[in-house]
Amino acid sequence: MRKIKLYDTYEGKVREFTPLVEGEVSIYYCGPTVYNYVHVGNLRPVLVFDLLNRVLRECGYKVHMISNYTDIDDKIIKKALEENKTEKEISEFYTKAYEDVLSGLNIIPLEYHPKVSDYIPQIVDFISTILDKGHAYKTPSGDVNFSTEDDENYGSLSKVDLSKLRTGYRIETKDDKKSPLDFALWKLTDDKGIKFDTKLGLGRPGWHTECVVMINSYFKKPLIDIHGGGFDLKFPHHENEMAQSWAYSGTNLANYWMHVGFLNMNGDKMSKSLGNVVLANDALNKFGGNVLRQFFLTTYYRSPINYTDEAMQTASEEVDKYQRLLTKFEAKAFLEDFKYEGTIDSDSYNQFLDYLADDLNVANAITVLSTVIKKANNALRNPRTSKEELSIIYLTLRKMLEVLGFNFEKFKGNDELKKIYSSYLDAKSNKDFALSDELRKVLMEKGVL
C-alpha cells in the first residue's frame, strides 16, 4: 500500500500517515450551517477533502468520510423568523441547495451527512458526562459552560497566544464565565427559536459540542484518523472540540488535523460578514464544476488563494484544453472504429500518484499530467502512432483527470460525422486538396481534428 504523508496541524509538520485500522481511514470535516447559500470560499475545504478521498482510495484505502450539517443555530432561527418559516424548512431548503452544489462539483458522495438535530440525546449525555467529571459547570443563568482552565493543553492545536485572547478577542464575554475562554455546551433559551426540554434544561446545544458528539456517535469510538475543515475553524471551534474530547475520553479526537487555507477576494478573506462573496451556485452556473476545481487545484491547499477574473479565465482555458484533447482522442476512436483498452503508462501514473500522496502536492502532479498531455498531442499528430500507443496515453490521461476529480463528457459521434470523415479521407487519397481542406475545416470546427 502506497505511503501517504499529510501536514498535521497539531504536530505542526508533515507526518507519514498511519491509520488506526489497517487499510481503512476515518475522516470528518466540518460542513455548512444551512441558513443561506454557500459561497465559493466554502467550497475549498470540500474540494480538498474530496481530492484526499480520491487519493486515499486510489492508494488502496477504504475511506469512511462524513461531513455534518449544522441545522440548529441562531442564524437559522433568525432566518426562519424573518421568513415566517420553521427552522426545519429553512435548513432543509439550504441543505438541498448545498447538495446541488456538491453534485455540480462532482464530489464523491460521502458515507454520511449527520444532522445536529438527530443527535440531541447523545449531546445531552455527552455534556452530562463532562459535568460529572468536573470539567464543566452550570452558570447562575442555567447555561452549562466548559472550563478551559481545567485543560492544561488548551491552545495546543491552534498555537494561539491565550494571553491575548483573555481580553475578549474572538471570544464571547459573559459575566457568568469563570474564564473569558470558557464556552457554552448547553444554552438555556426563552426565545422563539427551536429548543429541547432535557435534563440540562430547556435550551439548545453549543456549536463546539455538536461535531465531537457526531464523530463519537457515528464512528463508535472517541478517536478518528483525520479531522479538519477551513483554516478559520482551527480556533476556537476545533480547539474547543479537542478540549472536550480530552475531558470526555482522554483523546485528541483525531490523530491528524488538516486545515485548508482561505479564499481571498481582492486581498481580503471571502466571507458573508465582509459582504464580498460570490455564491457557489452563481460560480457554478458561470464557469462549471471543472473550472472551479481547476482554479482551486492551482494553489497548495494550506496556502491562501485569490479569486480574480484573471485566475478564473486561466482555469477555464486549462479545462478547455483538457476537454479538447479528450474529444480528439475519443473522436478518433469513433471515426476509425476501435476502442481504447488495455494498460496505462504505469511509470507516469505512479509518479503522478506519489506526488498526490505527498501531502496533496497537486503542483508536481500536474507537471506529470502536462508531460502526458504533450505526449498525447504528439501522438495524435503522428500518423504512425499505433492504436496501442494511443490507448495507453488516452487511458493514462483519463485516469489522472478522474483522480483529480474532473468530470468530462465523453464524445458522442453520429453517422453524419462518419460520412464527413470518410469523405475527407477519400479526398486526401484522391489528392483533391480543395475538398479535403474544406472537409478538414468542418471536422476541426467540430473539435475532432
Protein backbone atom coordinates (compact mmCIF):
# COMPACT_ATOMS: atom_id res chain seq x y z
CA MET A 1 0.00 0.00 0.00
CA ARG A 2 1.39 3.39 -1.02
CA LYS A 3 2.65 5.63 1.80
CA ILE A 4 0.71 8.80 2.48
CA LYS A 5 2.13 11.98 4.03
CA LEU A 6 -0.07 14.71 5.49
CA TYR A 7 0.55 18.00 7.24
CA ASP A 8 -0.77 17.68 10.79
CA THR A 9 -1.73 21.00 12.36
CA TYR A 10 -1.35 19.63 15.88
CA GLU A 11 2.25 18.47 15.33
CA GLY A 12 2.96 21.42 13.04
CA LYS A 13 4.70 19.27 10.43
CA VAL A 14 4.21 16.76 7.62
CA ARG A 15 3.81 13.25 9.04
CA GLU A 16 3.61 9.82 7.49
CA PHE A 17 0.03 8.64 7.73
CA THR A 18 -0.63 5.56 9.83
CA PRO A 19 -4.33 4.63 10.11
CA LEU A 20 -5.94 3.40 13.31
CA VAL A 21 -7.32 0.40 11.42
CA GLU A 22 -5.07 -1.10 8.77
CA GLY A 23 -6.34 -0.37 5.28
CA GLU A 24 -9.15 1.95 6.45
CA VAL A 25 -9.40 5.69 7.07
CA SER A 26 -11.97 7.57 9.18
CA ILE A 27 -12.41 11.24 8.23
CA TYR A 28 -14.70 14.02 9.42
CA TYR A 29 -14.68 17.56 8.10
CA CYS A 30 -16.95 20.35 9.26
CA GLY A 31 -19.85 21.09 6.95
CA PRO A 32 -22.06 24.15 6.49
CA THR A 33 -24.51 25.86 8.78
CA VAL A 34 -27.52 25.63 6.48
CA TYR A 35 -29.10 29.06 6.76
CA ASN A 36 -28.03 30.52 3.40
CA TYR A 37 -26.46 29.64 0.07
CA VAL A 38 -22.79 28.69 0.39
CA HIS A 39 -20.21 30.92 -1.27
CA VAL A 40 -17.16 29.94 -3.30
CA GLY A 41 -14.89 30.17 -0.25
CA ASN A 42 -16.93 27.42 1.44
CA LEU A 43 -16.10 25.10 -1.46
CA ARG A 44 -12.36 24.96 -0.90
CA PRO A 45 -12.38 22.52 2.05
CA VAL A 46 -14.99 20.43 0.24
CA LEU A 47 -12.78 20.08 -2.84
CA VAL A 48 -9.63 19.44 -0.80
CA PHE A 49 -11.24 16.64 1.18
CA ASP A 50 -12.77 15.23 -2.00
CA LEU A 51 -9.27 15.10 -3.51
CA LEU A 52 -7.96 13.45 -0.34
CA ASN A 53 -10.79 10.92 -0.57
CA ARG A 54 -9.87 10.10 -4.17
CA VAL A 55 -6.14 9.82 -3.46
CA LEU A 56 -6.65 7.56 -0.44
CA ARG A 57 -8.96 5.28 -2.42
CA GLU A 58 -6.51 5.16 -5.30
CA CYS A 59 -3.76 4.23 -2.83
CA GLY A 60 -5.80 1.24 -1.69
CA TYR A 61 -7.59 2.51 1.43
CA LYS A 62 -11.23 2.03 2.30
CA VAL A 63 -12.39 5.53 3.19
CA HIS A 64 -15.12 6.36 5.71
CA MET A 65 -15.67 10.10 5.19
CA ILE A 66 -18.50 12.10 6.70
CA SER A 67 -19.35 15.78 6.99
CA ASN A 68 -22.12 17.35 9.03
CA TYR A 69 -24.98 19.76 8.51
CA THR A 70 -25.43 22.25 11.34
CA ASP A 71 -29.21 22.58 11.28
CA ILE A 72 -29.59 24.14 14.76
CA ASP A 73 -28.11 27.61 15.02
CA ASP A 74 -29.05 31.18 15.92
CA LYS A 75 -28.60 32.22 12.27
CA ILE A 76 -31.12 29.62 11.14
CA ILE A 77 -33.56 30.76 13.79
CA LYS A 78 -33.15 34.40 12.73
CA LYS A 79 -33.74 33.47 9.08
CA ALA A 80 -36.82 31.42 9.98
CA LEU A 81 -38.34 34.31 11.92
CA GLU A 82 -37.60 36.75 9.10
CA GLU A 83 -39.27 34.49 6.52
CA ASN A 84 -42.06 33.24 8.80
CA LYS A 85 -40.95 29.62 8.35
CA THR A 86 -39.83 26.83 10.62
CA GLU A 87 -36.15 26.19 11.24
CA LYS A 88 -36.58 22.81 9.55
CA GLU A 89 -37.97 24.41 6.40
CA ILE A 90 -35.00 26.77 6.25
CA SER A 91 -32.36 24.12 6.94
CA GLU A 92 -33.84 21.59 4.50
CA PHE A 93 -34.05 24.18 1.71
CA TYR A 94 -30.41 25.23 2.05
CA THR A 95 -29.24 21.66 2.58
CA LYS A 96 -30.78 20.76 -0.79
CA ALA A 97 -29.13 23.80 -2.38
CA TYR A 98 -25.77 22.74 -0.95
CA GLU A 99 -26.18 19.18 -2.20
CA ASP A 100 -26.89 20.52 -5.69
CA VAL A 101 -23.55 22.33 -5.49
CA LEU A 102 -21.80 19.11 -4.41
CA SER A 103 -23.27 17.35 -7.41
CA GLY A 104 -22.15 20.15 -9.73
CA LEU A 105 -18.62 19.84 -8.38
CA ASN A 106 -18.53 16.06 -8.96
CA ILE A 107 -17.92 15.40 -5.26
CA ILE A 108 -17.78 11.70 -4.36
CA PRO A 109 -20.92 11.06 -2.25
CA LEU A 110 -19.91 10.83 1.40
CA GLU A 111 -20.70 7.88 3.60
CA TYR A 112 -22.97 10.02 5.78
CA HIS A 113 -24.10 13.59 6.44
CA PRO A 114 -25.12 13.74 10.13
CA LYS A 115 -27.50 16.50 11.23
CA VAL A 116 -27.24 18.04 14.67
CA SER A 117 -30.99 17.76 15.24
CA ASP A 118 -30.72 13.96 15.10
CA TYR A 119 -28.21 13.81 17.96
CA ILE A 120 -29.76 15.80 20.82
CA PRO A 121 -29.98 12.84 23.27
CA GLN A 122 -26.34 11.95 22.63
CA ILE A 123 -25.29 15.59 23.04
CA VAL A 124 -27.11 15.82 26.37
CA ASP A 125 -25.46 12.61 27.64
CA PHE A 126 -22.05 13.84 26.46
CA ILE A 127 -22.42 17.17 28.28
CA SER A 128 -23.71 15.43 31.40
CA THR A 129 -20.62 13.21 31.48
CA ILE A 130 -18.30 16.22 31.23
CA LEU A 131 -20.28 17.89 34.01
CA ASP A 132 -20.00 14.79 36.20
CA LYS A 133 -16.24 14.69 35.61
CA GLY A 134 -15.93 18.27 36.82
CA HIS A 135 -14.75 19.77 33.54
CA ALA A 136 -17.86 21.91 33.09
CA TYR A 137 -20.09 23.99 35.35
CA LYS A 138 -23.56 25.45 35.47
CA THR A 139 -23.73 29.22 35.44
CA PRO A 140 -26.15 31.27 37.56
CA SER A 141 -28.26 31.74 34.42
CA GLY A 142 -28.51 27.95 33.96
CA ASP A 143 -26.15 27.54 30.97
CA VAL A 144 -23.53 24.79 31.01
CA ASN A 145 -20.03 26.06 30.25
CA PHE A 146 -16.82 24.19 29.61
CA SER A 147 -13.97 25.07 31.97
CA THR A 148 -10.94 25.68 29.77
CA GLU A 149 -8.67 26.26 32.76
CA ASP A 150 -9.01 22.55 33.57
CA ASP A 151 -7.28 21.71 30.29
CA GLU A 152 -3.53 22.30 30.57
CA ASN A 153 -3.18 21.60 26.82
CA TYR A 154 -5.74 24.21 25.76
CA GLY A 155 -4.32 26.12 22.80
CA SER A 156 -2.01 23.31 21.69
CA LEU A 157 -3.85 22.72 18.41
CA SER A 158 -4.19 26.31 17.20
CA LYS A 159 -0.96 27.57 18.82
CA VAL A 160 -2.71 30.82 19.71
CA ASP A 161 -1.38 33.15 22.37
CA LEU A 162 -4.05 32.68 25.04
CA SER A 163 -2.91 35.76 26.97
CA LYS A 164 -4.03 37.92 24.06
CA LEU A 165 -7.41 36.22 23.96
CA ARG A 166 -8.31 36.91 27.56
CA THR A 167 -9.24 40.46 26.63
CA GLY A 168 -12.14 39.10 24.59
CA TYR A 169 -10.58 38.89 21.12
CA ARG A 170 -12.65 36.34 19.15
CA ILE A 171 -14.11 35.24 22.49
CA GLU A 172 -17.67 35.83 23.64
CA THR A 173 -17.54 37.54 27.02
CA LYS A 174 -20.18 36.96 29.70
CA ASP A 175 -20.22 37.91 33.37
CA ASP A 176 -21.03 34.37 34.49
CA LYS A 177 -17.98 32.77 32.89
CA LYS A 178 -15.20 31.64 35.19
CA SER A 179 -12.74 32.44 32.40
CA PRO A 180 -13.24 34.51 29.24
CA LEU A 181 -12.08 31.46 27.27
CA ASP A 182 -14.86 29.20 28.59
CA PHE A 183 -17.57 28.32 26.08
CA ALA A 184 -21.16 27.14 26.18
CA LEU A 185 -22.00 23.44 25.95
CA TRP A 186 -25.70 23.99 26.57
CA LYS A 187 -27.60 27.28 26.46
CA LEU A 188 -30.91 27.83 28.22
CA THR A 189 -33.19 29.86 25.97
CA ASP A 190 -36.52 31.58 26.19
CA ASP A 191 -36.55 32.99 22.66
CA LYS A 192 -38.82 31.93 19.80
CA GLY A 193 -36.28 29.54 18.35
CA ILE A 194 -36.19 25.77 18.49
CA LYS A 195 -35.35 24.36 21.92
CA PHE A 196 -35.23 20.97 23.61
CA ASP A 197 -36.60 20.01 27.00
CA THR A 198 -33.83 17.91 28.57
CA LYS A 199 -32.30 17.20 31.97
CA LEU A 200 -29.94 20.09 31.25
CA GLY A 201 -32.88 22.44 30.91
CA LEU A 202 -34.92 23.91 28.07
CA GLY A 203 -32.41 25.03 25.51
CA ARG A 204 -30.01 24.29 22.67
CA PRO A 205 -26.53 22.77 22.37
CA GLY A 206 -23.45 24.88 21.83
CA TRP A 207 -21.86 24.72 18.39
CA HIS A 208 -18.49 23.40 19.58
CA THR A 209 -20.08 20.32 21.16
CA GLU A 210 -22.07 19.10 18.21
CA CYS A 211 -19.25 17.84 15.99
CA VAL A 212 -17.50 15.92 18.78
CA VAL A 213 -20.68 14.04 19.60
CA MET A 214 -21.48 13.23 15.98
CA ILE A 215 -17.93 11.90 15.49
CA ASN A 216 -18.13 9.71 18.60
CA SER A 217 -21.64 8.53 17.75
CA TYR A 218 -21.08 7.66 14.10
CA PHE A 219 -17.63 6.10 14.34
CA LYS A 220 -18.42 4.41 17.67
CA LYS A 221 -15.05 5.50 19.06
CA PRO A 222 -13.58 8.68 20.57
CA LEU A 223 -10.61 8.89 18.18
CA ILE A 224 -10.60 9.04 14.38
CA ASP A 225 -7.84 9.30 11.82
CA ILE A 226 -8.40 12.76 10.30
CA HIS A 227 -10.46 15.77 11.29
CA GLY A 228 -10.42 19.11 9.55
CA GLY A 229 -12.03 21.99 7.78
CA GLY A 230 -11.27 25.59 6.89
CA PHE A 231 -8.34 27.43 8.48
CA ASP A 232 -10.79 29.70 10.32
CA LEU A 233 -12.13 26.71 12.28
CA LYS A 234 -8.78 25.95 13.91
CA PHE A 235 -9.62 28.39 16.70
CA PRO A 236 -11.89 28.42 18.55
CA HIS A 237 -14.01 25.62 17.04
CA HIS A 238 -11.51 22.80 16.64
CA GLU A 239 -9.55 23.81 19.72
CA ASN A 240 -12.76 23.58 21.73
CA GLU A 241 -13.67 20.25 20.15
CA MET A 242 -10.33 18.79 21.14
CA ALA A 243 -10.62 20.17 24.69
CA GLN A 244 -13.99 18.44 25.12
CA SER A 245 -12.61 15.21 23.71
CA TRP A 246 -9.83 15.25 26.30
CA ALA A 247 -12.35 15.93 29.05
CA TYR A 248 -14.72 13.20 27.87
CA SER A 249 -12.40 10.39 26.80
CA GLY A 250 -8.79 11.50 27.13
CA THR A 251 -8.08 11.65 23.38
CA ASN A 252 -7.13 14.30 20.81
CA LEU A 253 -10.32 13.41 18.87
CA ALA A 254 -8.20 12.91 15.72
CA ASN A 255 -4.70 11.62 15.01
CA TYR A 256 -4.28 14.14 12.19
CA TRP A 257 -5.75 17.62 11.97
CA MET A 258 -5.98 19.17 8.50
CA HIS A 259 -6.78 22.81 7.79
CA VAL A 260 -7.43 24.44 4.43
CA GLY A 261 -6.31 27.98 3.57
CA PHE A 262 -8.60 30.93 2.99
CA LEU A 263 -10.07 32.03 -0.29
CA ASN A 264 -9.41 35.75 -0.67
CA MET A 265 -11.07 38.28 -2.90
CA ASN A 266 -9.01 41.34 -3.71
CA GLY A 267 -6.75 40.51 -0.78
CA ASP A 268 -9.49 40.07 1.84
CA LYS A 269 -10.94 36.80 3.12
CA MET A 270 -14.18 35.99 1.32
CA SER A 271 -16.93 35.99 3.93
CA LYS A 272 -20.57 36.91 4.30
CA SER A 273 -19.72 39.33 7.12
CA LEU A 274 -17.49 41.36 4.77
CA GLY A 275 -20.08 41.22 2.00
CA ASN A 276 -17.53 40.21 -0.64
CA VAL A 277 -18.91 36.80 -1.51
CA VAL A 278 -19.52 35.05 -4.81
CA LEU A 279 -22.22 32.46 -4.34
CA ALA A 280 -21.22 28.93 -5.25
CA ASN A 281 -24.27 28.28 -7.44
CA ASP A 282 -23.61 31.50 -9.37
CA ALA A 283 -19.98 30.49 -9.96
CA LEU A 284 -21.06 27.00 -11.00
CA ASN A 285 -23.58 28.38 -13.48
CA LYS A 286 -20.98 30.75 -14.91
CA PHE A 287 -17.91 28.52 -15.04
CA GLY A 288 -18.93 24.92 -14.33
CA GLY A 289 -17.56 22.50 -11.76
CA ASN A 290 -14.42 21.59 -13.70
CA VAL A 291 -13.23 25.20 -13.88
CA LEU A 292 -13.81 25.78 -10.17
CA ARG A 293 -11.91 22.59 -9.39
CA GLN A 294 -9.02 23.60 -11.67
CA PHE A 295 -8.88 27.03 -10.01
CA PHE A 296 -8.53 25.55 -6.52
CA LEU A 297 -6.01 22.94 -7.67
CA THR A 298 -3.56 25.64 -8.76
CA THR A 299 -2.58 26.52 -5.17
CA TYR A 300 -1.30 24.34 -2.31
CA TYR A 301 -4.29 23.60 -0.12
CA ARG A 302 -2.87 25.19 3.05
CA SER A 303 -1.96 28.47 1.34
CA PRO A 304 -4.38 31.32 0.68
CA ILE A 305 -5.71 31.68 -2.86
CA ASN A 306 -7.05 34.82 -4.51
CA TYR A 307 -10.29 34.75 -6.53
CA THR A 308 -9.95 37.00 -9.58
CA ASP A 309 -11.40 37.17 -13.07
CA GLU A 310 -7.94 36.51 -14.48
CA ALA A 311 -7.46 33.38 -12.36
CA MET A 312 -10.84 32.02 -13.41
CA GLN A 313 -10.09 32.75 -17.06
CA THR A 314 -6.80 30.85 -16.81
CA ALA A 315 -8.56 27.92 -15.14
CA SER A 316 -11.21 27.94 -17.87
CA GLU A 317 -8.57 27.82 -20.60
CA GLU A 318 -6.84 24.85 -18.95
CA VAL A 319 -10.11 22.94 -18.64
CA ASP A 320 -10.91 23.65 -22.30
CA LYS A 321 -7.50 22.25 -23.22
CA TYR A 322 -8.24 19.02 -21.32
CA GLN A 323 -11.67 18.70 -22.89
CA ARG A 324 -10.47 19.33 -26.45
CA LEU A 325 -7.72 16.76 -26.13
CA LEU A 326 -10.04 14.08 -24.77
CA THR A 327 -12.54 14.85 -27.52
CA LYS A 328 -9.89 14.40 -30.23
CA PHE A 329 -8.89 11.03 -28.81
CA GLU A 330 -12.46 9.84 -28.46
CA ALA A 331 -13.45 11.13 -31.89
CA LYS A 332 -10.52 9.30 -33.47
CA ALA A 333 -11.59 6.02 -31.89
CA PHE A 334 -15.18 6.59 -33.01
CA LEU A 335 -14.34 7.56 -36.56
CA GLU A 336 -11.86 4.73 -37.02
CA ASP A 337 -13.98 2.10 -35.24
CA PHE A 338 -11.72 0.98 -32.40
CA LYS A 339 -11.75 1.11 -28.59
CA TYR A 340 -9.21 2.27 -26.07
CA GLU A 341 -8.47 -0.66 -23.82
CA GLY A 342 -5.58 -2.33 -22.05
CA THR A 343 -2.95 -0.86 -19.74
CA ILE A 344 -1.92 2.63 -18.72
CA ASP A 345 1.53 4.23 -18.54
CA SER A 346 2.28 2.92 -15.06
CA ASP A 347 5.55 4.85 -14.68
CA SER A 348 3.90 8.21 -15.30
CA TYR A 349 0.84 7.32 -13.28
CA ASN A 350 2.82 6.11 -10.25
CA GLN A 351 4.89 9.28 -10.27
CA PHE A 352 1.67 11.33 -10.50
CA LEU A 353 0.11 9.45 -7.58
CA ASP A 354 3.29 9.60 -5.49
CA TYR A 355 3.15 13.40 -5.67
CA LEU A 356 -0.51 13.47 -4.62
CA ALA A 357 0.25 11.09 -1.74
CA ASP A 358 2.87 13.58 -0.53
CA ASP A 359 0.50 15.97 1.27
CA LEU A 360 -1.61 16.51 -1.86
CA ASN A 361 1.21 18.01 -3.90
CA VAL A 362 -1.01 18.87 -6.85
CA ALA A 363 1.52 21.23 -8.44
CA ASN A 364 4.04 18.44 -9.03
CA ALA A 365 1.30 16.01 -10.02
CA ILE A 366 0.15 18.43 -12.71
CA THR A 367 3.69 18.62 -14.11
CA VAL A 368 3.43 14.88 -14.75
CA LEU A 369 -0.03 15.38 -16.25
CA SER A 370 1.41 18.10 -18.51
CA THR A 371 4.05 15.69 -19.76
CA VAL A 372 1.36 13.15 -20.64
CA ILE A 373 -0.62 15.89 -22.41
CA LYS A 374 2.44 16.76 -24.50
CA LYS A 375 2.86 13.08 -25.42
CA ALA A 376 -0.84 12.92 -26.27
CA ASN A 377 -0.68 15.86 -28.67
CA ASN A 378 2.42 14.49 -30.37
CA ALA A 379 0.82 11.06 -30.68
CA LEU A 380 -2.30 12.50 -32.35
CA ARG A 381 -0.23 14.48 -34.82
CA ASN A 382 1.87 11.49 -35.82
CA PRO A 383 0.01 9.27 -38.33
CA ARG A 384 2.36 6.39 -37.48
CA THR A 385 1.25 6.22 -33.83
CA SER A 386 -0.22 2.78 -33.19
CA LYS A 387 -3.65 2.21 -31.68
CA GLU A 388 -1.93 0.50 -28.73
CA GLU A 389 0.16 3.64 -28.03
CA LEU A 390 -2.88 5.88 -28.37
CA SER A 391 -4.79 3.66 -25.97
CA ILE A 392 -2.07 3.77 -23.29
CA ILE A 393 -1.82 7.56 -23.47
CA TYR A 394 -5.58 8.14 -23.52
CA LEU A 395 -6.32 5.80 -20.60
CA THR A 396 -3.49 7.34 -18.55
CA LEU A 397 -4.77 10.85 -19.24
CA ARG A 398 -8.35 9.93 -18.38
CA LYS A 399 -7.31 8.23 -15.14
CA MET A 400 -5.21 11.18 -13.98
CA LEU A 401 -8.01 13.65 -14.63
CA GLU A 402 -10.52 11.43 -12.82
CA VAL A 403 -8.27 11.17 -9.74
CA LEU A 404 -8.10 14.99 -9.70
CA GLY A 405 -11.89 14.94 -9.69
CA PHE A 406 -12.72 16.30 -13.13
CA ASN A 407 -15.86 15.17 -14.87
CA PHE A 408 -15.55 15.50 -18.65
CA GLU A 409 -18.27 14.48 -21.04
CA LYS A 410 -17.35 11.77 -23.48
CA PHE A 411 -17.55 12.43 -27.19
CA LYS A 412 -20.73 11.31 -28.90
CA GLY A 413 -20.46 10.83 -32.65
CA ASN A 414 -23.09 10.19 -35.30
CA ASP A 415 -23.37 8.74 -38.80
CA GLU A 416 -23.18 12.14 -40.46
CA LEU A 417 -19.81 12.81 -38.87
CA LYS A 418 -18.54 9.44 -40.03
CA LYS A 419 -19.62 10.26 -43.57
CA ILE A 420 -17.78 13.60 -43.47
CA TYR A 421 -14.67 11.90 -42.14
CA SER A 422 -14.86 9.18 -44.78
CA SER A 423 -15.23 11.80 -47.50
CA TYR A 424 -12.27 13.68 -46.06
CA LEU A 425 -10.08 10.57 -46.23
CA ASP A 426 -11.23 9.87 -49.80
CA ALA A 427 -10.45 13.44 -50.85
CA LYS A 428 -6.96 13.17 -49.35
CA SER A 429 -6.40 9.83 -51.05
CA ASN A 430 -7.55 11.26 -54.39
CA LYS A 431 -5.41 14.36 -53.88
CA ASP A 432 -8.50 16.56 -54.06
CA PHE A 433 -6.84 19.14 -51.85
CA ALA A 434 -9.55 21.77 -52.15
CA LEU A 435 -12.25 19.34 -50.94
CA SER A 436 -10.03 17.78 -48.25
CA ASP A 437 -9.19 21.24 -46.89
CA GLU A 438 -12.87 22.16 -46.84
CA LEU A 439 -13.84 18.94 -45.04
CA ARG A 440 -10.90 19.22 -42.67
CA LYS A 441 -12.11 22.68 -41.69
CA VAL A 442 -15.55 21.23 -40.89
CA LEU A 443 -14.01 18.47 -38.77
CA MET A 444 -11.82 20.98 -36.93
CA GLU A 445 -14.85 23.14 -36.16
CA LYS A 446 -16.47 20.07 -34.63
CA GLY A 447 -13.35 19.56 -32.49
CA VAL A 448 -12.44 16.13 -33.83
CA LEU A 449 -9.23 17.09 -35.68
